């Protein structure tokens, strides 16, 4: 098939000239701003390969690395914080962990909404700046009040960053590789969750202020990620739909050039109707079909995070209380499962619908929690920790990708942020609930319960839209 002319050539015909036709019923003319935006998006959608520098994925992955590092480090730092600040168990969990989750929800929703208005790139810089400030502040905190403030700031940055990274990658990647590229980037980041227990094991038992160094290391990682992110471009989809047509066309033209250099054949672009309305992004989410999707994904994330944060936040302390003095070591060994789960998903994410993959991942999570609850031997506990880490590595990015791609570009970050941000209320509930359930019922039933909530989340995902190998515009209709 003959390749189309170079960047911008598709838009040169004046309105009404021969060939200036509607590609689909109701689509705007190519000479109009809406028609030109549609042509640019069609040119991007026909690119079948990753058409940007590969190191961009490493840059994005570095930010992910910090995110998962921070999600994990608080659970290991908490016992030492509790001792030094003379806190009860519920006080330390609420003030140091739940406050971070409140910040997560606030940052995700506020910054996610801003990303739909002012752009992905600017907010990606803002989120990693917040995480750096928060992490250094966590480590330097001299009182509980200071720790609460900086955990809130850290939570804001981490929550918004998870939102934006999934949104951003999805808008750059080709439809047939969107899930796989997202998981590859996630694999770089999930290593942060795999190595954090090892770093904590090296620092906390041997240093009086080991928990502070754990946070300082996270701050250094965030600064590195901030510097690297200045290399990234804005999302061409956001540019095209917000009237920055020359910039979008230049970037898509560069992507076409790289795709050809990598041996890709570009078919004729097939412009479709695009909606370039401007307005309050959250208002868009109140309309069908998005209001139903918001409800579905919000509940899904709420149930998933009950177990996710209950396990990550409380497991080290609960293991210790249960007489498993080497519990941190078990979690450190089991953390190998994080990259294993991500690798499994790299091969599965484009072969099956997202909504079918999530119940399978949740089933692994349920099995892991039952095994951990049994705690019949050291070997069994390590197996359980490995399966739990593997389930997290399988579920998280597939679910992040699925959530982000289910909303339109004009409200994608807002839709993700609303579902994931408010869904973290389940994380706060799980972190507070699990110790009480363990003390009231038993160690086994506490962990089995958070396994069941994860399984419920996987089953809820079955109600989501078809997404694999479809363009973002088709999914979001």
Protein backbone atom coordinates (compact mmCIF):
# COMPACT_ATOMS: atom_id res chain seq x y z
CA UNK A 1 0.00 0.00 0.00
CA UNK A 2 1.33 3.42 -0.89
CA UNK A 3 2.40 5.45 2.12
CA UNK A 4 0.82 8.84 2.69
CA UNK A 5 2.71 12.08 2.20
CA UNK A 6 4.79 13.57 4.97
CA UNK A 7 3.59 15.36 8.08
CA UNK A 8 0.85 17.85 7.47
CA UNK A 9 0.18 16.78 3.88
CA UNK A 10 -3.18 15.27 4.76
CA UNK A 11 -4.44 18.71 5.81
CA UNK A 12 -3.38 20.84 2.84
CA UNK A 13 -6.60 20.70 0.84
CA UNK A 14 -8.80 23.75 1.44
CA UNK A 15 -12.34 23.35 2.63
CA UNK A 16 -14.51 22.20 -0.24
CA UNK A 17 -11.60 21.28 -2.55
CA UNK A 18 -11.71 17.96 -4.43
CA UNK A 19 -10.90 15.15 -2.04
CA UNK A 20 -11.81 17.22 1.01
CA UNK A 21 -14.48 14.70 1.99
CA UNK A 22 -15.93 13.36 5.21
CA UNK A 23 -14.22 10.10 6.18
CA UNK A 24 -17.19 9.02 8.31
CA UNK A 25 -20.72 10.25 8.57
CA UNK A 26 -20.71 13.40 10.63
CA UNK A 27 -16.92 13.85 10.68
CA UNK A 28 -15.58 17.36 10.28
CA UNK A 29 -13.89 18.55 7.09
CA UNK A 30 -10.07 18.17 7.11
CA UNK A 31 -9.58 21.93 6.77
CA UNK A 32 -11.48 22.66 9.96
CA UNK A 33 -9.71 22.52 13.36
CA UNK A 34 -11.77 19.51 14.40
CA UNK A 35 -11.10 17.80 11.09
CA UNK A 36 -7.40 18.54 11.34
CA UNK A 37 -7.33 17.10 14.86
CA UNK A 38 -9.09 13.98 13.58
CA UNK A 39 -6.51 13.63 10.79
CA UNK A 40 -3.62 13.92 13.25
CA UNK A 41 -5.10 11.29 15.57
CA UNK A 42 -5.76 9.00 12.60
CA UNK A 43 -2.12 9.30 11.55
CA UNK A 44 -0.97 8.41 15.05
CA UNK A 45 -3.41 5.48 15.32
CA UNK A 46 -2.08 3.87 12.14
CA UNK A 47 1.46 3.62 13.60
CA UNK A 48 1.86 -0.06 14.60
CA UNK A 49 5.09 0.20 16.63
CA UNK A 50 6.51 2.18 19.55
CA UNK A 51 7.68 5.20 17.57
CA UNK A 52 9.51 7.22 20.21
CA UNK A 53 12.96 6.75 21.75
CA UNK A 54 13.11 3.60 23.87
CA UNK A 55 14.74 5.41 26.76
CA UNK A 56 11.46 7.27 27.29
CA UNK A 57 10.10 4.05 28.77
CA UNK A 58 13.03 3.88 31.18
CA UNK A 59 12.40 7.49 32.22
CA UNK A 60 8.75 6.78 32.93
CA UNK A 61 9.69 3.56 34.68
CA UNK A 62 12.04 5.43 37.03
CA UNK A 63 9.10 7.45 38.31
CA UNK A 64 7.11 4.25 38.69
CA UNK A 65 10.06 2.82 40.63
CA UNK A 66 9.73 5.56 43.23
CA UNK A 67 5.96 5.14 43.42
CA UNK A 68 6.15 1.48 44.31
CA UNK A 69 9.16 2.06 46.53
CA UNK A 70 7.13 4.53 48.57
CA UNK A 71 4.03 2.34 48.69
CA UNK A 72 6.18 -0.40 50.23
CA UNK A 73 8.64 1.49 52.44
CA UNK A 74 6.07 2.82 54.93
CA UNK A 75 5.10 -0.69 56.02
CA UNK A 76 8.70 -1.52 56.90
CA UNK A 77 9.42 1.87 58.50
CA UNK A 78 6.28 1.86 60.64
CA UNK A 79 7.46 -0.40 63.50
CA UNK A 80 10.55 1.76 64.10
CA UNK A 81 8.51 4.98 63.79
CA UNK A 82 6.02 3.59 66.27
CA UNK A 83 8.79 2.92 68.80
CA UNK A 84 10.54 6.29 68.42
CA UNK A 85 7.36 8.39 68.47
CA UNK A 86 5.70 6.22 71.20
CA UNK A 87 2.58 5.48 69.19
CA UNK A 88 -0.09 2.86 69.66
CA UNK A 89 -0.70 0.53 66.75
CA UNK A 90 -3.87 2.28 65.59
CA UNK A 91 -2.28 5.73 65.93
CA UNK A 92 0.72 4.81 63.82
CA UNK A 93 -1.40 3.12 61.17
CA UNK A 94 -3.85 6.01 60.88
CA UNK A 95 -1.48 8.95 61.18
CA UNK A 96 1.42 7.62 59.12
CA UNK A 97 -0.38 5.37 56.63
CA UNK A 98 -4.02 6.44 56.28
CA UNK A 99 -3.00 10.11 56.04
CA UNK A 100 -0.78 9.18 53.09
CA UNK A 101 -3.76 7.51 51.44
CA UNK A 102 -5.92 10.60 51.98
CA UNK A 103 -3.17 12.62 50.30
CA UNK A 104 -3.08 10.02 47.53
CA UNK A 105 -6.79 10.49 46.81
CA UNK A 106 -6.59 14.29 46.99
CA UNK A 107 -3.53 14.50 44.74
CA UNK A 108 -4.91 12.03 42.23
CA UNK A 109 -8.21 13.85 41.82
CA UNK A 110 -6.90 17.44 41.84
CA UNK A 111 -3.81 16.88 39.70
CA UNK A 112 -5.62 14.41 37.45
CA UNK A 113 -8.23 17.06 36.70
CA UNK A 114 -5.50 19.61 36.00
CA UNK A 115 -3.76 17.19 33.63
CA UNK A 116 -6.86 17.14 31.44
CA UNK A 117 -6.88 20.95 31.37
CA UNK A 118 -3.20 22.00 31.21
CA UNK A 119 -1.46 18.89 29.88
CA UNK A 120 0.16 15.62 30.91
CA UNK A 121 3.79 16.84 30.73
CA UNK A 122 3.46 19.73 33.20
CA UNK A 123 1.67 17.58 35.73
CA UNK A 124 4.18 14.74 35.39
CA UNK A 125 6.83 17.23 36.52
CA UNK A 126 4.61 18.46 39.35
CA UNK A 127 3.85 14.99 40.70
CA UNK A 128 7.45 13.84 40.90
CA UNK A 129 8.43 17.14 42.53
CA UNK A 130 5.81 16.58 45.23
CA UNK A 131 7.04 13.05 45.84
CA UNK A 132 10.64 14.23 46.23
CA UNK A 133 9.66 16.96 48.70
CA UNK A 134 7.45 14.57 50.63
CA UNK A 135 10.00 11.77 50.83
CA UNK A 136 12.82 14.02 52.09
CA UNK A 137 10.36 15.54 54.55
CA UNK A 138 9.31 12.08 55.76
CA UNK A 139 12.91 11.22 56.52
CA UNK A 140 13.62 14.53 58.25
CA UNK A 141 10.43 14.60 60.37
CA UNK A 142 11.14 15.45 64.00
CA UNK A 143 7.61 15.03 65.27
CA UNK A 144 4.47 13.15 64.47
CA UNK A 145 2.87 16.33 63.13
CA UNK A 146 5.73 16.81 60.63
CA UNK A 147 5.48 13.19 59.54
CA UNK A 148 1.74 13.54 58.97
CA UNK A 149 2.24 16.65 56.80
CA UNK A 150 4.94 15.11 54.65
CA UNK A 151 3.16 11.76 54.32
CA UNK A 152 0.20 13.72 52.97
CA UNK A 153 2.45 15.54 50.45
CA UNK A 154 4.11 12.27 49.41
CA UNK A 155 0.71 10.67 49.00
CA UNK A 156 -0.46 13.51 46.74
CA UNK A 157 2.49 13.06 44.42
CA UNK A 158 2.35 9.26 44.35
CA UNK A 159 -1.39 9.13 43.74
CA UNK A 160 -1.33 11.61 40.88
CA UNK A 161 1.76 10.03 39.33
CA UNK A 162 0.22 6.57 39.08
CA UNK A 163 -2.76 8.18 37.40
CA UNK A 164 -0.74 10.18 34.89
CA UNK A 165 1.79 7.52 33.94
CA UNK A 166 -0.91 5.08 32.85
CA UNK A 167 -2.77 7.86 31.02
CA UNK A 168 0.39 9.11 29.33
CA UNK A 169 1.70 5.75 28.14
CA UNK A 170 -1.71 4.77 26.83
CA UNK A 171 -1.88 7.92 24.72
CA UNK A 172 1.56 7.33 23.18
CA UNK A 173 1.50 3.58 22.56
CA UNK A 174 -0.08 1.87 19.51
CA UNK A 175 -3.36 0.05 20.15
CA UNK A 176 -2.01 -3.45 19.56
CA UNK A 177 0.90 -2.92 21.97
CA UNK A 178 -0.64 -0.54 24.50
CA UNK A 179 -1.06 -3.13 27.24
CA UNK A 180 2.35 -4.72 26.68
CA UNK A 181 4.27 -1.44 26.61
CA UNK A 182 2.47 -0.32 29.76
CA UNK A 183 3.44 -3.54 31.54
CA UNK A 184 7.06 -3.32 30.35
CA UNK A 185 7.28 0.15 31.87
CA UNK A 186 5.55 -1.14 34.97
CA UNK A 187 8.15 -3.91 35.19
CA UNK A 188 10.86 -1.29 35.60
CA UNK A 189 8.81 0.32 38.35
CA UNK A 190 7.71 -2.83 40.15
CA UNK A 191 11.36 -3.64 40.82
CA UNK A 192 11.05 -0.81 43.34
CA UNK A 193 8.53 -2.91 45.23
CA UNK A 194 10.81 -5.94 44.94
CA UNK A 195 13.99 -4.26 46.25
CA UNK A 196 12.43 -2.12 48.98
CA UNK A 197 12.17 -5.03 51.46
CA UNK A 198 15.85 -5.81 50.85
CA UNK A 199 16.86 -2.18 51.47
CA UNK A 200 14.67 -2.04 54.56
CA UNK A 201 16.17 -5.29 55.84
CA UNK A 202 19.65 -3.82 55.44
CA UNK A 203 18.87 -0.46 57.09
CA UNK A 204 16.22 -0.76 59.76
CA UNK A 205 17.53 -3.56 62.02
CA UNK A 206 21.08 -2.19 62.03
CA UNK A 207 20.52 1.60 62.25
CA UNK A 208 18.62 3.56 64.87
CA UNK A 209 17.46 5.96 62.13
CA UNK A 210 17.27 3.33 59.41
CA UNK A 211 13.68 4.34 58.62
CA UNK A 212 14.87 7.88 57.84
CA UNK A 213 17.46 6.62 55.37
CA UNK A 214 14.79 4.49 53.75
CA UNK A 215 12.84 7.67 52.95
CA UNK A 216 15.94 9.66 51.93
CA UNK A 217 16.81 7.02 49.33
CA UNK A 218 13.29 7.40 47.92
CA UNK A 219 13.78 11.16 47.69
CA UNK A 220 17.02 10.72 45.74
CA UNK A 221 15.27 8.39 43.29
CA UNK A 222 12.49 10.98 42.83
CA UNK A 223 15.00 13.75 42.06
CA UNK A 224 16.65 11.55 39.42
CA UNK A 225 13.24 10.87 37.88
CA UNK A 226 12.38 14.60 37.88
CA UNK A 227 15.54 15.56 35.96
CA UNK A 228 14.98 12.77 33.43
CA UNK A 229 11.35 13.71 32.77
CA UNK A 230 12.31 16.99 31.15
CA UNK A 231 13.20 14.86 28.09
CA UNK A 232 9.61 13.69 27.59
CA UNK A 233 7.17 15.22 25.06
CA UNK A 234 3.57 16.21 25.65
CA UNK A 235 0.90 13.70 24.65
CA UNK A 236 0.03 14.29 20.97
CA UNK A 237 -3.58 13.31 21.69
CA UNK A 238 -3.88 15.99 24.34
CA UNK A 239 -2.22 18.55 22.04
CA UNK A 240 -4.53 17.77 19.13
CA UNK A 241 -7.72 17.91 21.18
CA UNK A 242 -6.72 21.17 22.89
CA UNK A 243 -5.96 23.14 19.75
CA UNK A 244 -2.15 22.82 19.72
CA UNK A 245 -2.34 21.38 16.23
CA UNK A 246 1.07 22.42 14.92
CA UNK A 247 2.84 20.86 17.91
CA UNK A 248 0.77 17.69 17.63
CA UNK A 249 1.42 17.43 13.91
CA UNK A 250 5.16 17.90 14.38
CA UNK A 251 5.32 15.20 17.05
CA UNK A 252 3.20 12.72 15.07
CA UNK A 253 5.34 13.41 12.00
CA UNK A 254 8.43 12.52 14.02
CA UNK A 255 6.72 9.33 15.20
CA UNK A 256 5.88 8.41 11.61
CA UNK A 257 9.52 8.95 10.59
CA UNK A 258 10.80 6.70 13.39
CA UNK A 259 8.20 4.05 12.58
CA UNK A 260 9.36 3.91 8.95
CA UNK A 261 12.98 3.69 10.09
CA UNK A 262 11.99 0.68 12.20
CA UNK A 263 10.54 -1.04 9.15
CA UNK A 264 6.85 -0.37 9.77
CA UNK A 265 4.42 0.05 6.88
CA UNK A 266 1.93 2.81 7.53
CA UNK A 267 -1.56 2.31 6.07
CA UNK A 268 -3.71 5.19 4.90
CA UNK A 269 -5.06 7.16 7.88
CA UNK A 270 -8.75 6.65 8.56
CA UNK A 271 -10.03 9.78 10.36
CA UNK A 272 -12.96 9.32 12.68
CA UNK A 273 -15.21 11.74 14.50
CA UNK A 274 -13.42 13.46 17.38
CA UNK A 275 -14.90 15.57 20.13
CA UNK A 276 -12.89 18.72 20.79
CA UNK A 277 -15.26 20.25 23.31
CA UNK A 278 -13.63 22.12 26.18
CA UNK A 279 -15.07 22.25 29.64
CA UNK A 280 -14.86 20.81 33.13
CA UNK A 281 -13.51 17.26 32.65
CA UNK A 282 -15.37 15.78 35.61
CA UNK A 283 -18.68 16.91 34.08
CA UNK A 284 -17.99 14.60 31.14
CA UNK A 285 -17.88 11.66 33.54
CA UNK A 286 -21.48 12.25 34.57
CA UNK A 287 -22.71 11.32 31.09
CA UNK A 288 -23.37 7.81 29.71
CA UNK A 289 -21.49 5.55 29.29
CA UNK A 290 -18.84 7.08 31.54
CA UNK A 291 -20.91 7.43 34.70
CA UNK A 292 -21.39 3.66 34.75
CA UNK A 293 -17.69 3.09 34.16
CA UNK A 294 -16.77 5.45 36.99
CA UNK A 295 -19.00 3.49 39.35
CA UNK A 296 -17.64 0.13 38.18
CA UNK A 297 -13.94 1.01 38.38
CA UNK A 298 -14.30 2.95 41.63
CA UNK A 299 -15.85 -0.06 43.37
CA UNK A 300 -13.31 -2.39 41.77
CA UNK A 301 -10.39 -0.34 43.09
CA UNK A 302 -12.02 0.09 46.51
CA UNK A 303 -12.21 -3.67 47.02
CA UNK A 304 -8.77 -4.30 45.56
CA UNK A 305 -7.05 -1.74 47.76
CA UNK A 306 -8.61 -3.15 50.95
CA UNK A 307 -6.33 -6.17 50.63
CA UNK A 308 -3.49 -4.43 48.82
CA UNK A 309 -2.83 -1.88 51.56
CA UNK A 310 -3.81 -4.18 54.38
CA UNK A 311 -1.07 -6.55 53.26
CA UNK A 312 1.58 -3.98 52.36
CA UNK A 313 0.98 -1.78 55.38
CA UNK A 314 0.29 -4.27 58.15
CA UNK A 315 1.98 -7.56 57.24
CA UNK A 316 5.44 -6.88 58.81
CA UNK A 317 3.93 -5.85 62.17
CA UNK A 318 1.33 -8.65 62.13
CA UNK A 319 3.97 -11.25 61.37
CA UNK A 320 5.98 -9.99 64.33
CA UNK A 321 2.95 -10.05 66.65
CA UNK A 322 2.17 -13.60 65.47
CA UNK A 323 5.61 -14.76 66.60
CA UNK A 324 7.12 -14.76 63.10
CA UNK A 325 10.19 -12.73 64.04
CA UNK A 326 11.73 -13.15 60.59
CA UNK A 327 8.58 -11.93 58.86
CA UNK A 328 10.38 -9.07 57.08
CA UNK A 329 12.86 -11.59 55.66
CA UNK A 330 9.99 -13.74 54.36
CA UNK A 331 8.47 -10.73 52.60
CA UNK A 332 11.86 -9.76 51.16
CA UNK A 333 12.35 -13.22 49.65
CA UNK A 334 8.77 -13.39 48.44
CA UNK A 335 9.10 -9.99 46.74
CA UNK A 336 10.78 -11.79 43.82
CA UNK A 337 7.21 -12.44 42.73
CA UNK A 338 6.63 -8.81 41.70
CA UNK A 339 8.71 -8.88 38.50
CA UNK A 340 7.65 -12.49 37.85
CA UNK A 341 4.00 -11.41 37.82
CA UNK A 342 4.75 -8.49 35.51
CA UNK A 343 6.64 -10.76 33.10
CA UNK A 344 3.69 -13.17 33.03
CA UNK A 345 1.40 -10.27 32.16
CA UNK A 346 3.71 -9.01 29.37
CA UNK A 347 2.94 -12.21 27.49
CA UNK A 348 -0.75 -12.37 28.43
CA UNK A 349 -1.98 -8.77 28.30
CA UNK A 350 -2.52 -8.59 24.52
CA UNK A 351 -3.68 -12.19 24.15
CA UNK A 352 -6.74 -11.84 26.36
CA UNK A 353 -9.25 -9.14 27.17
CA UNK A 354 -8.21 -7.05 30.18
CA UNK A 355 -11.48 -7.81 31.94
CA UNK A 356 -10.68 -11.56 31.78
CA UNK A 357 -7.11 -11.21 33.01
CA UNK A 358 -8.04 -9.41 36.22
CA UNK A 359 -10.16 -12.20 37.78
CA UNK A 360 -7.33 -14.65 37.07
CA UNK A 361 -4.83 -12.39 38.82
CA UNK A 362 -7.23 -11.96 41.74
CA UNK A 363 -7.52 -15.73 42.08
CA UNK A 364 -3.75 -15.94 42.59
CA UNK A 365 -4.10 -13.20 45.24
CA UNK A 366 -6.81 -15.16 47.09
CA UNK A 367 -4.65 -18.30 47.08
CA UNK A 368 -1.71 -16.28 48.42
CA UNK A 369 -3.69 -14.84 51.33
CA UNK A 370 -5.02 -18.28 52.30
CA UNK A 371 -1.48 -19.69 52.28
CA UNK A 372 -0.14 -16.78 54.37
CA UNK A 373 -3.06 -17.12 56.79
CA UNK A 374 -2.19 -20.76 57.35
CA UNK A 375 1.40 -19.79 58.31
CA UNK A 376 2.16 -23.45 58.95
CA UNK A 377 5.90 -23.15 58.28
CA UNK A 378 8.57 -20.76 57.09
CA UNK A 379 8.51 -22.33 53.64
CA UNK A 380 4.73 -21.97 53.36
CA UNK A 381 4.95 -18.31 54.40
CA UNK A 382 7.60 -17.57 51.78
CA UNK A 383 5.45 -19.28 49.12
CA UNK A 384 2.49 -17.18 50.19
CA UNK A 385 4.52 -13.96 50.07
CA UNK A 386 5.79 -14.89 46.60
CA UNK A 387 2.26 -15.57 45.31
CA UNK A 388 0.98 -12.31 46.82
CA UNK A 389 3.76 -10.34 45.13
CA UNK A 390 3.17 -12.18 41.87
CA UNK A 391 -0.56 -11.40 41.99
CA UNK A 392 0.19 -7.70 42.55
CA UNK A 393 2.64 -7.74 39.63
CA UNK A 394 -0.03 -9.31 37.42
CA UNK A 395 -3.04 -7.26 38.47
CA UNK A 396 -1.90 -3.70 38.97
CA UNK A 397 -0.71 -2.43 35.59
CA UNK A 398 -3.30 -4.41 33.64
CA UNK A 399 -5.94 -2.75 35.82
CA UNK A 400 -4.31 0.69 35.57
CA UNK A 401 -4.22 0.41 31.77
CA UNK A 402 -7.81 -0.86 31.64
CA UNK A 403 -9.07 2.00 33.80
CA UNK A 404 -7.28 4.75 31.86
CA UNK A 405 -8.24 3.52 28.39
CA UNK A 406 -11.93 3.31 29.32
CA UNK A 407 -12.34 7.11 29.37
CA UNK A 408 -12.10 9.75 26.59
CA UNK A 409 -8.92 11.80 26.13
CA UNK A 410 -10.62 15.01 27.28
CA UNK A 411 -11.38 13.38 30.67
CA UNK A 412 -9.03 10.39 30.78
CA UNK A 413 -6.84 11.56 33.65
CA UNK A 414 -9.91 12.77 35.53
CA UNK A 415 -11.71 9.46 35.09
CA UNK A 416 -8.72 7.46 36.24
CA UNK A 417 -8.07 9.79 39.17
CA UNK A 418 -11.65 9.67 40.39
CA UNK A 419 -11.81 5.86 40.34
CA UNK A 420 -8.34 5.17 41.66
CA UNK A 421 -8.23 8.12 44.07
CA UNK A 422 -11.54 7.47 45.78
CA UNK A 423 -10.89 3.75 45.51
CA UNK A 424 -7.99 4.26 47.90
CA UNK A 425 -10.57 4.72 50.61
CA UNK A 426 -10.54 0.94 50.55
CA UNK A 427 -6.81 1.06 51.25
CA UNK A 428 -7.34 3.15 54.36
CA UNK A 429 -10.13 0.79 55.45
CA UNK A 430 -8.00 -2.29 54.89
CA UNK A 431 -4.98 -0.89 56.74
CA UNK A 432 -7.15 -0.07 59.77
CA UNK A 433 -9.34 -3.16 59.55
CA UNK A 434 -6.83 -5.99 59.15
CA UNK A 435 -5.17 -5.75 62.60
CA UNK A 436 -8.60 -5.65 64.28
CA UNK A 437 -9.88 -8.64 62.30
CA UNK A 438 -6.73 -10.62 63.15
CA UNK A 439 -7.09 -9.81 66.86
CA UNK A 440 -10.86 -10.44 66.91
CA UNK A 441 -11.00 -13.58 64.76
CA UNK A 442 -7.64 -15.10 63.87
CA UNK A 443 -4.51 -14.62 61.80
CA UNK A 444 -5.92 -17.00 59.19
CA UNK A 445 -9.28 -15.28 58.81
CA UNK A 446 -7.74 -11.81 58.71
CA UNK A 447 -5.62 -12.63 55.65
CA UNK A 448 -8.30 -14.80 54.05
CA UNK A 449 -10.74 -11.91 54.27
CA UNK A 450 -8.45 -9.55 52.35
CA UNK A 451 -7.98 -12.32 49.80
CA UNK A 452 -11.75 -12.44 49.31
CA UNK A 453 -12.01 -8.67 48.84
CA UNK A 454 -9.36 -8.92 46.10
CA UNK A 455 -11.33 -11.68 44.39
CA UNK A 456 -14.46 -9.51 44.48
CA UNK A 457 -12.48 -6.74 42.71
CA UNK A 458 -11.45 -9.16 39.95
CA UNK A 459 -15.04 -10.28 39.39
CA UNK A 460 -16.27 -6.67 39.22
CA UNK A 461 -13.77 -6.04 36.37
CA UNK A 462 -15.78 -8.44 34.19
CA UNK A 463 -18.32 -5.63 33.73
CA UNK A 464 -15.80 -3.35 32.00
CA UNK A 465 -15.67 -2.56 28.24
CA UNK A 466 -13.73 -4.42 25.56
CA UNK A 467 -10.31 -2.79 25.27
CA UNK A 468 -7.55 -5.06 23.96
CA UNK A 469 -6.16 -4.07 20.52
CA UNK A 470 -8.72 -1.26 20.08
CA UNK A 471 -7.95 2.42 19.55
CA UNK A 472 -8.59 4.71 22.50
CA UNK A 473 -11.34 6.49 20.56
CA UNK A 474 -13.21 3.22 19.96
CA UNK A 475 -12.94 2.11 23.60
CA UNK A 476 -14.13 5.44 24.93
CA UNK A 477 -17.26 5.66 22.77
